[in-house]
Amino acid sequence: MAKTLSSHSFSKKELDTRKLQARQNVIEPHADRQKPKYYQGFLLQQDAGGYFVLKPSPTPPTMIREDLPHSVGYALALTRDN
């Protein structure tokens, strides 16, 4: 009795193409028509940690970082300019 084995190999280029296609499915804000976005009067900013605003502290020049939930920051970033 013979057993059949099958294999499939992926090239690095094919895997990179799949990753690129997956990233393209995510809606990103359009940089060419974006004005700065504000949350409660403070500039909305983003880094690797997520969306945040910097508020002045009682002792200048220190700023206090207030992290926002991803859903709130993402929704603000996607709002269209008027």
Protein backbone atom coordinates (compact mmCIF):
# COMPACT_ATOMS: atom_id res chain seq x y z
CA MET A 1 0.00 0.00 0.00
CA ALA A 2 1.52 3.31 -1.11
CA LYS A 3 1.03 6.63 0.64
CA THR A 4 0.96 9.87 -1.25
CA LEU A 5 2.60 12.95 0.21
CA SER A 6 2.18 16.39 -1.21
CA SER A 7 4.07 19.55 -0.52
CA HIS A 8 3.81 23.16 -1.47
CA SER A 9 6.57 25.71 -1.24
CA PHE A 10 6.23 29.49 -1.06
CA SER A 11 8.71 31.96 -2.38
CA LYS A 12 9.67 34.99 -0.32
CA LYS A 13 8.31 37.25 -3.08
CA GLU A 14 4.93 35.50 -2.95
CA LEU A 15 4.73 35.88 0.84
CA ASP A 16 5.68 39.57 0.63
CA THR A 17 2.99 40.11 -2.02
CA ARG A 18 0.38 38.52 0.25
CA LYS A 19 1.43 40.70 3.18
CA LEU A 20 1.24 43.82 1.00
CA GLN A 21 -2.26 42.88 -0.19
CA ALA A 22 -3.39 42.34 3.41
CA ARG A 23 -2.11 45.82 4.37
CA GLN A 24 -3.90 47.40 1.43
CA ASN A 25 -7.24 46.07 2.71
CA VAL A 26 -6.96 48.31 5.80
CA ILE A 27 -8.52 51.74 5.39
CA GLU A 28 -5.99 54.46 6.14
CA PRO A 29 -6.58 58.19 6.38
CA HIS A 30 -5.82 60.05 3.16
CA ALA A 31 -2.76 62.17 3.83
CA ASP A 32 -3.28 64.44 0.82
CA ARG A 33 -6.57 65.87 2.13
CA GLN A 34 -6.01 65.83 5.87
CA LYS A 35 -6.04 68.78 8.16
CA PRO A 36 -4.84 68.28 11.73
CA LYS A 37 -7.45 66.48 13.82
CA TYR A 38 -8.27 67.55 17.38
CA TYR A 39 -9.74 65.70 20.35
CA GLN A 40 -11.27 67.96 23.02
CA GLY A 41 -9.13 70.85 21.76
CA PHE A 42 -5.83 68.91 21.76
CA LEU A 43 -3.95 67.76 18.65
CA LEU A 44 -4.53 64.07 17.84
CA GLN A 45 -1.24 62.23 17.37
CA GLN A 46 -0.27 58.64 16.57
CA ASP A 47 2.79 56.50 17.17
CA ALA A 48 3.52 52.79 17.57
CA GLY A 49 1.67 52.82 20.91
CA GLY A 50 -1.57 54.07 19.35
CA TYR A 51 -3.47 57.35 19.30
CA PHE A 52 -2.86 60.00 21.98
CA VAL A 53 -3.06 63.68 22.87
CA LEU A 54 -0.53 65.77 24.77
CA LYS A 55 -1.92 68.03 27.47
CA PRO A 56 0.09 70.68 29.30
CA SER A 57 0.96 69.87 32.89
CA PRO A 58 0.87 72.33 35.81
CA THR A 59 4.68 72.47 35.70
CA PRO A 60 5.82 73.71 32.27
CA PRO A 61 7.41 72.58 29.93
CA THR A 62 6.24 69.06 30.84
CA MET A 63 3.41 67.55 28.79
CA ILE A 64 1.09 64.76 29.91
CA ARG A 65 0.32 62.03 27.40
CA GLU A 66 -3.27 60.81 27.43
CA ASP A 67 -3.79 57.62 25.45
CA LEU A 68 -7.04 57.23 23.55
CA PRO A 69 -8.83 53.99 22.73
CA HIS A 70 -7.83 52.83 19.25
CA SER A 71 -11.42 52.96 18.01
CA VAL A 72 -11.78 56.63 19.02
CA GLY A 73 -8.46 57.74 17.50
CA TYR A 74 -9.01 55.74 14.32
CA ALA A 75 -12.52 57.20 13.87
CA LEU A 76 -11.18 60.75 14.33
CA ALA A 77 -8.37 60.11 11.85
CA LEU A 78 -10.84 58.88 9.23
CA THR A 79 -13.23 61.86 9.47
CA ARG A 80 -13.27 63.94 6.29
CA ASP A 81 -12.18 67.54 6.15
CA ASN A 82 -14.97 70.04 5.65
